[in-house]
Structures are given as structure tokens and as C-alpha cells.
N, C-alpha and C. Protein backbone atom coordinates (compact mmCIF):
# COMPACT_ATOMS: atom_id res chain seq x y z
N UNK A 1 34.11 -60.63 57.40
CA UNK A 1 35.61 -60.08 57.76
C UNK A 1 36.75 -60.37 58.28
N UNK A 2 37.81 -60.88 57.80
CA UNK A 2 38.67 -61.46 58.23
C UNK A 2 38.63 -60.82 59.77
N UNK A 3 39.66 -62.18 60.55
CA UNK A 3 40.36 -60.91 61.44
C UNK A 3 41.19 -60.28 61.47
N UNK A 4 42.47 -59.97 60.64
CA UNK A 4 43.34 -59.10 60.64
C UNK A 4 42.97 -57.59 60.04
N UNK A 5 41.63 -57.79 59.54
CA UNK A 5 41.54 -56.38 58.30
C UNK A 5 40.11 -56.14 60.14
N UNK A 6 39.28 -57.22 60.37
CA UNK A 6 38.33 -56.68 61.58
C UNK A 6 40.06 -56.28 62.60
N UNK A 7 40.80 -56.28 62.91
CA UNK A 7 41.63 -56.59 63.97
C UNK A 7 41.62 -54.10 63.68
N UNK A 8 41.72 -54.15 62.63
CA UNK A 8 42.93 -52.35 62.20
C UNK A 8 41.12 -52.08 61.92
N UNK A 9 39.97 -52.25 61.32
CA UNK A 9 39.25 -51.45 61.80
C UNK A 9 38.69 -51.68 63.54
N UNK A 10 38.48 -52.13 64.15
CA UNK A 10 38.00 -51.73 65.77
C UNK A 10 39.49 -51.26 66.01
N UNK A 11 40.58 -50.93 65.53
CA UNK A 11 41.57 -49.52 66.08
C UNK A 11 41.31 -48.69 65.75
N UNK A 12 40.41 -48.57 64.34
CA UNK A 12 40.64 -47.00 63.76
C UNK A 12 39.79 -46.39 64.09
N UNK A 13 38.40 -47.54 64.14
CA UNK A 13 36.91 -46.66 64.89
C UNK A 13 37.17 -46.20 66.07
N UNK A 14 38.30 -47.04 67.11
CA UNK A 14 38.35 -46.44 68.15
C UNK A 14 39.15 -45.90 68.90
N UNK A 15 40.02 -45.24 67.85
CA UNK A 15 41.03 -43.95 67.60
C UNK A 15 40.42 -42.77 66.79
N UNK A 16 39.30 -43.43 66.22
CA UNK A 16 38.24 -42.06 65.10
C UNK A 16 37.52 -41.53 66.00
N UNK A 17 36.99 -42.04 67.23
CA UNK A 17 36.49 -42.33 68.27
C UNK A 17 36.83 -41.51 68.94
N UNK A 18 37.84 -41.32 69.54
CA UNK A 18 38.00 -40.42 70.85
C UNK A 18 38.59 -39.21 70.00
N UNK A 19 39.20 -39.09 69.01
CA UNK A 19 39.93 -38.15 67.95
C UNK A 19 39.10 -37.03 67.49
N UNK A 20 37.52 -37.71 68.78
CA UNK A 20 36.58 -36.25 68.48
C UNK A 20 36.37 -35.48 68.99
N UNK A 21 37.64 -35.61 70.19
CA UNK A 21 37.62 -34.59 70.86
C UNK A 21 38.31 -33.64 70.52
N UNK A 22 38.56 -32.19 70.44
CA UNK A 22 40.48 -32.51 69.80
C UNK A 22 41.09 -30.43 70.22
N UNK A 23 41.68 -30.31 70.09
CA UNK A 23 41.94 -28.92 70.23
C UNK A 23 41.76 -28.17 69.01
N UNK A 24 40.84 -26.83 69.51
CA UNK A 24 39.75 -26.29 68.81
C UNK A 24 41.03 -24.56 68.36
N UNK A 25 42.39 -25.17 68.74
CA UNK A 25 42.79 -23.63 67.82
C UNK A 25 42.95 -22.26 68.57
N UNK A 26 42.11 -22.46 69.41
CA UNK A 26 42.35 -20.86 70.82
C UNK A 26 42.49 -21.50 71.85
N UNK A 27 43.79 -22.27 71.66
CA UNK A 27 44.12 -22.78 73.33
C UNK A 27 43.06 -23.86 74.46
N UNK A 28 41.75 -24.18 72.98
CA UNK A 28 40.26 -25.19 74.81
C UNK A 28 40.35 -26.11 73.71
N UNK A 29 39.22 -27.11 73.98
CA UNK A 29 38.99 -27.93 73.51
C UNK A 29 37.83 -27.67 72.17
N UNK A 30 37.31 -28.54 71.47
CA UNK A 30 36.30 -29.05 70.22
C UNK A 30 36.01 -30.10 70.78
N UNK A 31 34.49 -30.63 70.34
CA UNK A 31 34.07 -31.68 70.29
C UNK A 31 33.13 -31.73 68.83
N UNK A 32 33.64 -33.06 68.04
CA UNK A 32 33.59 -32.70 67.02
C UNK A 32 31.68 -33.28 66.43
N UNK A 33 31.46 -34.03 68.00
CA UNK A 33 29.90 -34.34 67.82
C UNK A 33 29.49 -33.79 68.73
N UNK A 34 29.20 -32.27 68.44
CA UNK A 34 27.89 -31.54 70.08
C UNK A 34 26.78 -31.42 69.29
N UNK A 35 26.60 -32.20 68.39
CA UNK A 35 24.71 -32.22 67.71
C UNK A 35 24.46 -33.31 67.15
N UNK A 36 23.81 -34.08 66.68
CA UNK A 36 22.78 -34.66 65.94
C UNK A 36 23.58 -35.09 64.36
N UNK A 37 22.79 -34.05 63.75
CA UNK A 37 23.35 -33.37 62.47
C UNK A 37 25.13 -34.01 62.18
N UNK A 38 25.65 -34.13 63.42
CA UNK A 38 27.40 -34.02 63.61
C UNK A 38 27.73 -35.55 63.64
N UNK A 39 26.75 -35.94 64.22
CA UNK A 39 26.99 -37.85 64.35
C UNK A 39 26.67 -38.70 63.60
N UNK A 40 25.98 -37.34 62.92
CA UNK A 40 24.95 -38.80 61.31
C UNK A 40 26.26 -38.88 60.52
N UNK A 41 26.94 -37.45 60.63
CA UNK A 41 27.60 -37.17 59.11
C UNK A 41 28.58 -37.80 59.53
N UNK A 42 29.19 -38.25 60.61
CA UNK A 42 30.51 -39.15 61.41
C UNK A 42 30.28 -40.58 60.96
N UNK A 43 28.84 -40.94 61.11
CA UNK A 43 29.14 -42.34 60.77
C UNK A 43 28.72 -42.66 59.74
N UNK A 44 27.76 -42.07 58.72
CA UNK A 44 28.05 -42.04 57.39
C UNK A 44 29.08 -41.64 56.48
N UNK A 45 29.86 -41.53 56.81
CA UNK A 45 31.87 -41.26 56.51
C UNK A 45 31.88 -42.76 56.76
N UNK A 46 31.62 -43.19 57.51
CA UNK A 46 32.54 -45.42 58.30
C UNK A 46 31.43 -46.30 57.97
N UNK A 47 31.16 -45.54 56.84
CA UNK A 47 29.57 -47.15 56.34
C UNK A 47 30.54 -48.03 56.49
N UNK A 48 31.53 -48.17 56.16
CA UNK A 48 32.71 -49.30 55.28
C UNK A 48 32.64 -50.41 56.96
N UNK A 49 32.54 -49.14 58.22
CA UNK A 49 33.11 -49.91 59.49
C UNK A 49 31.43 -50.27 60.10
N UNK A 50 30.21 -49.71 59.73
CA UNK A 50 29.01 -49.83 60.65
C UNK A 50 28.63 -50.19 60.41
N UNK A 51 27.89 -51.05 60.94
CA UNK A 51 25.93 -51.00 60.82
C UNK A 51 25.60 -50.42 60.27
N UNK A 52 24.45 -50.72 59.48
CA UNK A 52 23.35 -49.82 58.78
C UNK A 52 23.81 -48.17 58.70
N UNK A 53 25.09 -47.83 57.58
CA UNK A 53 25.25 -46.09 58.42
C UNK A 53 25.31 -45.90 57.47
N UNK A 54 25.05 -45.68 55.84
CA UNK A 54 24.13 -45.19 54.80
C UNK A 54 23.34 -44.63 55.21
N UNK A 55 21.97 -45.45 55.41
CA UNK A 55 20.84 -44.29 56.68
C UNK A 55 20.49 -43.86 57.74
N UNK A 56 21.85 -43.97 58.36
CA UNK A 56 21.79 -43.60 59.58
C UNK A 56 21.04 -42.38 59.44
N UNK A 57 20.27 -41.75 60.38
CA UNK A 57 19.84 -40.56 61.13
C UNK A 57 19.81 -40.67 62.78
N UNK A 58 21.26 -40.34 63.19
CA UNK A 58 21.45 -39.91 64.96
C UNK A 58 19.70 -38.74 65.62
N UNK A 59 19.28 -39.01 66.82
CA UNK A 59 19.24 -38.35 67.34
C UNK A 59 19.70 -37.89 68.56
N UNK A 60 18.86 -37.06 69.23
CA UNK A 60 19.86 -37.40 70.88
C UNK A 60 19.45 -37.85 71.64
N UNK A 61 18.97 -38.99 71.63
CA UNK A 61 19.28 -40.12 72.08
C UNK A 61 21.15 -41.18 71.70
N UNK A 62 20.71 -40.80 70.63
CA UNK A 62 21.92 -41.88 69.92
C UNK A 62 22.52 -40.93 69.73
N UNK A 63 23.04 -39.60 69.95
CA UNK A 63 24.26 -38.42 70.51
C UNK A 63 24.38 -38.99 72.22
N UNK A 64 23.84 -38.79 72.51
CA UNK A 64 24.73 -39.49 74.56
C UNK A 64 24.33 -40.26 74.71
N UNK A 65 24.25 -41.07 73.42
CA UNK A 65 24.39 -42.73 74.09
C UNK A 65 25.93 -43.53 73.17
N UNK A 66 26.56 -42.62 71.99
CA UNK A 66 27.85 -43.09 71.66
C UNK A 66 28.65 -42.10 72.62
N UNK A 67 28.23 -40.59 73.32
CA UNK A 67 28.83 -39.57 73.87
C UNK A 67 29.79 -40.35 75.19
N UNK A 68 28.68 -40.99 75.28
CA UNK A 68 28.79 -41.84 76.69
C UNK A 68 30.03 -43.13 76.18
N UNK A 69 29.78 -43.75 75.14
CA UNK A 69 31.18 -44.55 74.65
C UNK A 69 32.16 -44.09 74.36
N UNK A 70 32.19 -42.62 74.04
CA UNK A 70 33.45 -41.89 73.77
C UNK A 70 33.97 -42.19 75.10
N UNK A 71 33.31 -41.23 76.20
CA UNK A 71 33.69 -41.39 77.68
C UNK A 71 34.46 -42.16 78.29
N UNK A 72 33.71 -43.54 78.39
CA UNK A 72 34.65 -44.72 78.98
C UNK A 72 35.44 -45.30 78.23
N UNK A 73 36.16 -44.92 76.52
CA UNK A 73 37.14 -45.28 75.90
C UNK A 73 38.04 -44.28 76.60
N UNK A 74 37.29 -43.02 76.13
CA UNK A 74 38.85 -41.98 76.73
C UNK A 74 39.56 -42.46 77.74
N UNK A 75 38.89 -43.10 79.42
CA UNK A 75 39.16 -42.62 79.87
C UNK A 75 40.17 -44.72 79.97
N UNK A 76 39.61 -45.32 79.63
CA UNK A 76 40.35 -46.45 79.12
C UNK A 76 41.73 -46.61 77.94
N UNK A 77 41.37 -45.83 77.49
CA UNK A 77 42.67 -45.33 76.71
C UNK A 77 43.26 -44.26 77.79
N UNK A 78 43.19 -43.40 78.84
CA UNK A 78 44.44 -42.54 79.69
C UNK A 78 44.68 -44.04 80.40
N UNK A 79 44.00 -44.52 81.06
CA UNK A 79 44.83 -45.92 81.72
C UNK A 79 45.79 -47.13 81.10
N UNK A 80 45.70 -46.80 79.48
CA UNK A 80 46.53 -47.43 79.12
C UNK A 80 47.52 -46.88 79.01
N UNK A 81 47.44 -45.35 78.84
CA UNK A 81 49.11 -45.28 78.86
C UNK A 81 49.66 -44.92 80.12
N UNK A 82 48.57 -44.35 80.73
CA UNK A 82 49.78 -45.11 82.74
C UNK A 82 51.60 -46.17 82.23
N UNK A 83 52.33 -45.52 82.82
CA UNK A 83 52.73 -43.93 83.97
C UNK A 83 52.68 -42.86 83.22
N UNK A 84 53.72 -42.51 81.69
CA UNK A 84 52.10 -40.94 81.03
C UNK A 84 51.31 -40.67 81.35
N UNK A 85 51.07 -39.56 81.79
CA UNK A 85 49.68 -38.64 82.28
C UNK A 85 48.84 -39.45 80.37
N UNK A 86 47.41 -38.72 80.81
CA UNK A 86 45.75 -39.09 80.27
C UNK A 86 46.08 -37.04 79.02
N UNK A 87 45.80 -37.27 78.33
CA UNK A 87 45.41 -36.20 76.83
C UNK A 87 45.01 -34.95 77.65
N UNK A 88 45.24 -34.42 77.73
CA UNK A 88 45.10 -33.01 79.09
C UNK A 88 43.33 -32.16 79.21
N UNK A 89 43.03 -32.84 77.25
CA UNK A 89 41.51 -33.06 77.06
C UNK A 89 40.31 -33.87 78.69
N UNK A 90 41.04 -35.12 79.07
CA UNK A 90 40.58 -36.26 79.38
C UNK A 90 41.10 -36.27 81.21
N UNK A 91 42.40 -35.29 81.56
CA UNK A 91 42.59 -34.76 83.65
C UNK A 91 41.98 -34.52 84.46
N UNK A 92 40.95 -34.25 83.57
CA UNK A 92 40.02 -33.24 85.18
C UNK A 92 38.53 -34.04 85.11
N UNK A 93 38.05 -34.61 83.67
CA UNK A 93 37.08 -35.96 84.14
C UNK A 93 37.30 -36.49 83.96
N UNK A 94 38.17 -37.46 83.72
CA UNK A 94 38.07 -39.07 83.39
C UNK A 94 37.39 -40.07 84.53
N UNK A 95 36.44 -41.00 83.85
CA UNK A 95 35.34 -41.94 84.42
C UNK A 95 36.36 -42.65 85.23
N UNK A 96 36.24 -43.46 87.06
CA UNK A 96 36.46 -43.81 87.05
C UNK A 96 36.87 -45.68 86.03
N UNK A 97 37.99 -46.07 86.16
CA UNK A 97 38.36 -47.50 85.21
C UNK A 97 37.68 -48.25 84.86
N UNK A 98 36.48 -48.79 86.65
CA UNK A 98 35.33 -49.75 86.72
C UNK A 98 33.77 -49.18 85.36
N UNK A 99 34.37 -48.16 86.28
CA UNK A 99 32.89 -47.50 85.39
C UNK A 99 32.89 -47.37 84.27
N UNK A 100 34.18 -46.93 83.14
CA UNK A 100 34.85 -47.56 82.33
C UNK A 100 33.99 -48.94 81.46
N UNK A 101 34.63 -49.27 82.44
CA UNK A 101 34.51 -51.02 81.89
C UNK A 101 33.54 -51.41 81.23
N UNK A 102 32.25 -51.65 82.69
CA UNK A 102 30.50 -51.78 82.73
C UNK A 102 29.64 -50.96 82.00
N UNK A 103 30.65 -49.21 81.16
CA UNK A 103 29.86 -48.77 80.59
C UNK A 103 30.52 -49.68 79.15
N UNK A 104 31.26 -49.95 78.89
CA UNK A 104 31.44 -50.47 77.63
C UNK A 104 30.37 -51.62 78.17
N UNK A 105 31.04 -52.27 78.16
CA UNK A 105 30.22 -53.81 78.37
C UNK A 105 28.46 -53.92 77.87
N UNK A 106 28.22 -52.54 79.01
CA UNK A 106 26.70 -52.72 78.70
C UNK A 106 26.15 -51.43 77.49
N UNK A 107 26.98 -51.14 76.89
CA UNK A 107 27.05 -50.86 75.54
C UNK A 107 26.84 -52.12 74.76
N UNK A 108 28.26 -53.24 74.75
CA UNK A 108 28.37 -53.63 73.92
C UNK A 108 27.37 -54.41 73.86
N UNK A 109 26.42 -55.13 74.72
CA UNK A 109 25.38 -56.35 75.00
C UNK A 109 23.87 -55.01 74.15
N UNK A 110 24.17 -54.31 73.76
CA UNK A 110 22.65 -54.31 73.32
C UNK A 110 22.85 -54.30 72.43
N UNK A 111 23.13 -55.23 71.36
CA UNK A 111 22.73 -55.51 69.94
C UNK A 111 23.17 -57.20 70.52
N UNK A 112 23.21 -58.39 70.45
CA UNK A 112 23.26 -59.19 70.81
C UNK A 112 24.29 -59.85 69.19
N UNK A 113 24.51 -60.07 69.45
CA UNK A 113 25.22 -61.16 67.79
C UNK A 113 26.31 -62.64 67.84
N UNK A 114 26.42 -63.29 66.75
CA UNK A 114 27.02 -64.59 66.72
C UNK A 114 27.93 -63.96 65.77
N UNK A 115 29.05 -65.16 65.77
CA UNK A 115 29.92 -64.90 64.83
C UNK A 115 29.90 -65.91 63.22
N UNK A 116 28.87 -65.91 62.03
CA UNK A 116 29.25 -66.48 61.22
C UNK A 116 30.62 -66.93 60.39
N UNK A 117 30.46 -67.82 60.00
CA UNK A 117 31.65 -68.73 59.18
C UNK A 117 31.26 -69.23 58.12
N UNK A 118 31.99 -67.80 57.06
CA UNK A 118 32.07 -68.49 55.33
C UNK A 118 33.22 -68.73 55.23
N UNK A 119 33.02 -69.66 53.77
CA UNK A 119 34.60 -70.11 52.94
C UNK A 119 34.60 -70.93 51.82
N UNK A 120 34.09 -69.87 50.88
CA UNK A 120 34.00 -69.97 49.71
C UNK A 120 35.86 -70.84 49.22
N UNK A 121 34.48 -71.14 48.16
CA UNK A 121 36.45 -72.41 47.53
C UNK A 121 37.16 -71.53 46.85
N UNK A 122 38.44 -72.09 46.92
CA UNK A 122 40.06 -70.98 46.97
C UNK A 122 39.96 -69.71 47.33
N UNK A 123 39.44 -69.64 48.86
CA UNK A 123 39.74 -67.95 49.92
C UNK A 123 39.77 -68.77 50.75
N UNK A 124 40.34 -67.61 51.73
CA UNK A 124 40.27 -67.71 53.51
C UNK A 124 39.12 -68.02 54.43
N UNK A 125 39.00 -68.46 54.73
CA UNK A 125 38.17 -68.04 55.87
C UNK A 125 37.50 -66.69 56.49
N UNK A 126 36.37 -66.36 56.72
CA UNK A 126 35.82 -64.99 56.63
C UNK A 126 35.38 -65.83 57.97
N UNK A 127 35.13 -64.68 58.74
CA UNK A 127 33.97 -64.50 60.07
C UNK A 127 33.61 -63.36 60.18
N UNK A 128 32.06 -63.60 60.21
CA UNK A 128 31.51 -62.27 59.82
C UNK A 128 30.03 -62.38 61.40
N UNK A 129 29.96 -61.03 61.92
CA UNK A 129 28.96 -61.47 63.40
C UNK A 129 28.13 -60.76 62.37
N UNK A 130 26.83 -61.67 62.92
CA UNK A 130 25.31 -60.41 62.20
C UNK A 130 24.67 -60.72 63.93
N UNK A 131 23.73 -59.99 63.65
CA UNK A 131 23.32 -59.87 64.61
C UNK A 131 21.97 -61.32 64.88
N UNK A 132 21.86 -61.38 66.05
CA UNK A 132 20.55 -63.23 66.72
C UNK A 132 19.65 -61.59 66.90
N UNK A 133 18.49 -60.95 66.60
CA UNK A 133 17.53 -60.20 67.17
C UNK A 133 18.12 -58.86 66.92
N UNK A 134 17.26 -58.62 65.75
CA UNK A 134 16.01 -56.98 65.22
C UNK A 134 17.00 -56.24 66.87
N UNK A 135 17.50 -54.94 66.23
CA UNK A 135 18.14 -53.45 67.32
C UNK A 135 17.80 -52.30 66.31
N UNK A 136 17.38 -51.43 67.21
CA UNK A 136 17.30 -50.16 66.76
C UNK A 136 18.72 -50.27 66.16
N UNK A 137 18.60 -49.15 64.88
CA UNK A 137 20.02 -48.81 64.86
C UNK A 137 21.22 -47.94 65.59
N UNK A 138 20.05 -47.24 66.25
CA UNK A 138 21.19 -46.53 67.44
C UNK A 138 21.83 -47.43 69.09
N UNK A 139 21.43 -48.97 68.41
CA UNK A 139 21.80 -49.59 69.33
C UNK A 139 23.20 -49.92 68.37
N UNK A 140 22.23 -50.50 67.27
CA UNK A 140 24.14 -51.54 66.52
C UNK A 140 24.58 -50.53 66.35
N UNK A 141 24.98 -49.35 66.34
CA UNK A 141 25.53 -48.74 66.15
C UNK A 141 27.04 -48.00 67.64
N UNK A 142 25.96 -48.08 68.49
CA UNK A 142 26.12 -47.91 69.93
C UNK A 142 26.62 -49.67 69.95
N UNK A 143 26.54 -50.46 69.62
CA UNK A 143 27.59 -51.98 69.88
C UNK A 143 28.40 -52.27 69.51
N UNK A 144 28.31 -51.63 68.23
CA UNK A 144 29.42 -51.90 67.38
C UNK A 144 30.44 -50.39 67.75
N UNK A 145 30.03 -49.92 68.45
CA UNK A 145 31.66 -48.84 68.16
C UNK A 145 32.80 -49.49 70.34
N UNK A 146 31.48 -49.78 70.21
CA UNK A 146 31.63 -50.55 71.49
C UNK A 146 32.58 -51.33 71.15
N UNK A 147 32.05 -52.83 70.61
CA UNK A 147 32.81 -53.78 70.49
C UNK A 147 34.41 -53.64 70.18
N UNK A 148 34.48 -52.28 69.82
CA UNK A 148 35.46 -52.44 68.25
C UNK A 148 36.46 -51.69 69.73
N UNK A 149 36.11 -50.35 70.30
CA UNK A 149 37.32 -50.64 71.68
C UNK A 149 37.51 -51.66 72.15
N UNK A 150 36.99 -52.80 73.25
CA UNK A 150 37.33 -54.00 73.39
C UNK A 150 37.81 -54.27 72.65
N UNK A 151 37.40 -54.84 71.44
CA UNK A 151 38.46 -55.63 70.75
C UNK A 151 40.02 -55.04 70.92
N UNK A 152 40.03 -53.12 70.36
CA UNK A 152 41.35 -52.90 70.60
C UNK A 152 41.74 -52.96 71.85
N UNK A 153 41.29 -52.32 72.62
CA UNK A 153 42.39 -52.97 74.69
C UNK A 153 42.14 -53.90 74.97
N UNK A 154 41.51 -54.84 73.98
CA UNK A 154 42.40 -56.64 74.38
C UNK A 154 43.57 -56.63 73.47
N UNK A 155 43.85 -55.68 72.52
CA UNK A 155 44.63 -56.21 71.48
C UNK A 155 46.60 -55.87 71.78
N UNK A 156 46.34 -56.82 71.41
CA UNK A 156 48.77 -56.21 71.14
C UNK A 156 48.57 -54.27 70.64
N UNK A 157 47.74 -53.94 69.93
CA UNK A 157 48.57 -52.88 69.21
C UNK A 157 48.68 -51.44 70.40
N UNK A 158 47.33 -52.20 71.90
CA UNK A 158 46.96 -51.58 72.84
C UNK A 158 48.35 -50.95 73.29
N UNK A 159 49.85 -51.42 73.12
CA UNK A 159 50.94 -50.95 73.97
C UNK A 159 51.49 -50.06 73.20
N UNK A 160 51.12 -49.28 72.40
CA UNK A 160 51.65 -48.06 71.17
C UNK A 160 50.19 -47.62 71.34
N UNK A 161 49.93 -47.29 72.19
CA UNK A 161 48.98 -46.59 72.43
C UNK A 161 49.80 -45.37 73.39
N UNK A 162 49.75 -43.51 72.97
CA UNK A 162 50.60 -42.97 73.88
C UNK A 162 49.43 -41.79 73.29
N UNK A 163 49.44 -40.56 74.18
CA UNK A 163 48.99 -39.68 73.99
C UNK A 163 49.55 -38.20 73.58
N UNK A 164 49.55 -37.69 73.37
CA UNK A 164 50.70 -35.87 71.94
C UNK A 164 50.78 -35.91 73.94
N UNK A 165 51.77 -34.87 73.67
CA UNK A 165 52.16 -33.13 74.63
C UNK A 165 52.46 -32.27 74.20
N UNK A 166 52.20 -32.12 73.17
CA UNK A 166 53.07 -31.40 72.57
C UNK A 166 51.62 -29.59 72.47
N UNK A 167 52.51 -28.79 72.71
CA UNK A 167 51.27 -28.51 73.14
C UNK A 167 50.46 -27.66 72.25
N UNK A 168 49.12 -27.48 72.87
CA UNK A 168 47.63 -27.45 72.52
C UNK A 168 47.08 -28.42 72.13
N UNK A 169 47.78 -29.76 72.18
CA UNK A 169 47.31 -31.45 71.50
C UNK A 169 46.68 -31.80 72.33
N UNK A 170 45.72 -32.55 72.20
CA UNK A 170 44.49 -33.49 73.07
C UNK A 170 44.75 -35.08 72.54
N UNK A 171 45.09 -35.79 71.41
CA UNK A 171 45.06 -36.56 70.77
C UNK A 171 45.89 -38.04 71.17
N UNK A 172 45.08 -38.71 71.71
CA UNK A 172 45.82 -39.52 71.30
C UNK A 172 46.31 -40.40 69.95
N UNK A 173 46.97 -41.42 70.66
CA UNK A 173 48.02 -41.03 68.69
C UNK A 173 48.81 -43.73 68.73
N UNK A 174 49.35 -43.55 67.63
CA UNK A 174 49.39 -45.35 67.64
C UNK A 174 50.91 -44.88 66.87
N UNK A 175 51.59 -45.82 68.46
CA UNK A 175 53.46 -45.43 67.88
C UNK A 175 54.07 -45.87 66.80
N UNK A 176 54.64 -45.26 66.27
CA UNK A 176 54.53 -45.85 64.82
C UNK A 176 55.86 -46.61 64.82
N UNK A 177 56.35 -45.94 65.16
CA UNK A 177 58.12 -45.86 65.99
C UNK A 177 59.36 -45.73 66.53
N UNK A 178 59.53 -46.35 66.81
CA UNK A 178 60.42 -46.06 68.30
C UNK A 178 60.78 -44.46 68.89
N UNK A 179 60.98 -43.58 67.66
CA UNK A 179 61.49 -42.60 68.61
C UNK A 179 60.14 -41.57 68.38
N UNK A 180 59.24 -42.11 68.21
CA UNK A 180 58.13 -41.18 68.27
C UNK A 180 57.28 -40.64 69.01
N UNK A 181 57.15 -39.49 69.35
CA UNK A 181 56.86 -38.93 70.34
C UNK A 181 55.22 -38.49 70.26
N UNK A 182 54.85 -37.72 69.11
CA UNK A 182 54.29 -36.92 69.07
C UNK A 182 53.38 -37.09 67.98
N UNK A 183 51.36 -37.27 67.94
CA UNK A 183 50.44 -37.75 67.33
C UNK A 183 50.65 -37.18 65.72
N UNK A 184 51.74 -36.06 64.55
CA UNK A 184 52.10 -35.92 64.00
C UNK A 184 53.21 -34.63 64.01
N UNK A 185 53.91 -34.45 62.89
CA UNK A 185 55.04 -33.65 62.56
C UNK A 185 54.93 -33.05 62.85
N UNK A 186 53.24 -32.08 63.00
CA UNK A 186 53.27 -30.55 63.22
C UNK A 186 53.09 -30.54 64.49
N UNK A 187 52.81 -31.29 65.70
CA UNK A 187 52.80 -31.03 66.65
C UNK A 187 54.33 -31.40 67.49
N UNK A 188 54.90 -31.90 67.07
CA UNK A 188 56.85 -32.01 66.88
C UNK A 188 57.40 -31.18 67.02
N UNK A 189 57.28 -30.30 65.41
CA UNK A 189 58.18 -28.54 65.46
C UNK A 189 56.47 -27.84 66.62
N UNK A 190 56.32 -28.48 67.12
CA UNK A 190 55.70 -27.16 68.28
C UNK A 190 55.64 -27.40 69.72
N UNK A 191 56.30 -28.80 69.42
CA UNK A 191 57.00 -28.90 70.72
C UNK A 191 58.48 -28.85 71.39
N UNK A 192 58.61 -28.24 69.67
CA UNK A 192 60.24 -28.30 69.59
C UNK A 192 60.38 -27.00 69.75
N UNK A 193 59.98 -26.26 69.21
CA UNK A 193 59.89 -24.39 69.51
C UNK A 193 59.98 -23.78 70.26
N UNK A 194 58.72 -25.40 71.29
CA UNK A 194 58.13 -24.63 72.77
C UNK A 194 60.03 -24.72 73.31
N UNK A 195 60.09 -26.51 73.36
CA UNK A 195 61.45 -26.14 74.56
C UNK A 195 62.34 -25.55 74.12
N UNK A 196 62.69 -24.97 72.55
CA UNK A 196 63.78 -24.22 72.75
C UNK A 196 63.55 -22.61 73.34
N UNK A 197 61.98 -22.17 73.62
CA UNK A 197 61.72 -20.74 74.10
C UNK A 197 61.82 -20.88 75.80
N UNK A 198 61.22 -22.28 75.94
CA UNK A 198 61.66 -22.31 77.54
C UNK A 198 63.14 -22.36 77.70
N UNK A 199 64.35 -22.91 77.44
CA UNK A 199 65.62 -22.65 77.08
C UNK A 199 66.02 -21.84 77.64
N UNK A 200 64.99 -20.83 76.29
CA UNK A 200 65.92 -19.26 76.02
C UNK A 200 65.59 -18.58 77.70
N UNK A 201 63.91 -18.49 78.50
CA UNK A 201 63.62 -18.08 79.11
C UNK A 201 64.52 -18.71 79.99
N UNK A 202 65.13 -19.63 80.57
CA UNK A 202 65.70 -20.37 82.21
C UNK A 202 66.61 -19.26 81.69
N UNK A 203 67.23 -19.47 81.18
CA UNK A 203 69.11 -19.22 80.32
C UNK A 203 68.81 -17.46 80.58
N UNK A 204 67.83 -16.34 80.74
CA UNK A 204 67.52 -14.88 80.64
C UNK A 204 67.35 -15.14 81.91
């Protein structure tokens, strides 16, 4: 895997994990990883980015470990977007930054790997990470997610991370252009409608 593709993959995995916490459409927050079967499906949908994903079967322990990594990721996302406010889903339950960092580092260490260089004739050199020792599939998954988050948080992409503050949205997103305020156009529409109603109430 090249450094460029690895960086994009790290960003995508980290955001994908964070976005398994979402607005439920009824004023509350939904968790897409609420049971082992949901984690199994989520992992298998990312077979190109996660180790041994095609045959992965989650259990309660794997689910708990991934959700711990997610809590750490969202706490550090909230830290990264300061001085802006964090996602409303996180505001009342954020881990301390030191605990989130400790949790990510511990998860990343579950499956020790080494970088392996390959360089085919006529191609660019590639680096992939191979396990040094055998590890259970849940540990491989947890370590991969934690490492993706560590790489993303240490990258320049972190500077583009924002929390969306459109009504009812709890998402984080990467700001793609200077005027972008929301994660998607529908959130922008809701925010503009809410501002319009607020102005009319203030004038009444």
C-alpha cells in the first residue's frame, strides 16, 4: 500500500467509524454499531481496508472493543475541532484527551506489525504492514481502526476536520472548500431554514 492510498484509507476509516454515531431522524442519536451483527456487516463492507474482513464474525467482546476505540476517536475529533464546539452527540460524554490517547495507543498495540517494502520492476515502491505474530481477528480489527485514527489525527487532514452544527446533525466531516459550513447540502438547507425562522421570531 502506498503512502498516498494509506493516508486516504486512514481518513476514510476514521470518519466512517466516527459516523456510526448519527442522528436518528427523530431528534435523538442512533448507534449503527448497536449489536455484534451490525459490526460484522460494517466490517465486511470495508473488506478492502480492514484485515480478514471477508470472514469476520463479531461477538460481544469485539463490539465492546471497537466501541471503545470509537469513543476515543470521537473525543479526539472533538479536541481537534476546537475552539469550535464538538458534535452535539459528544458534548456530555467525552473522554478526557489523555484517556482517549491512552486508549488508542493501547488498541493500536494489540497486533504488532512491521513495515515491509516491495518494489516491482517499473513500479513505485510500496509499503505494507505485516503482523509480526499471530493475533485474533478482533485484535487485528481493533488495532487497524486505532492505527487509522492515529495516522489521520497526525496528518494534515486533521486541520480540515469540522463538526456539523446544522439542526439535528451530529456528524464530523472534512471541509473541502473555504465556504463549506456543513457536512452535506441537506444540512445547509436545514440550517438556513432554521436561521430564517429564528430571524422572523426575533422580529415578531
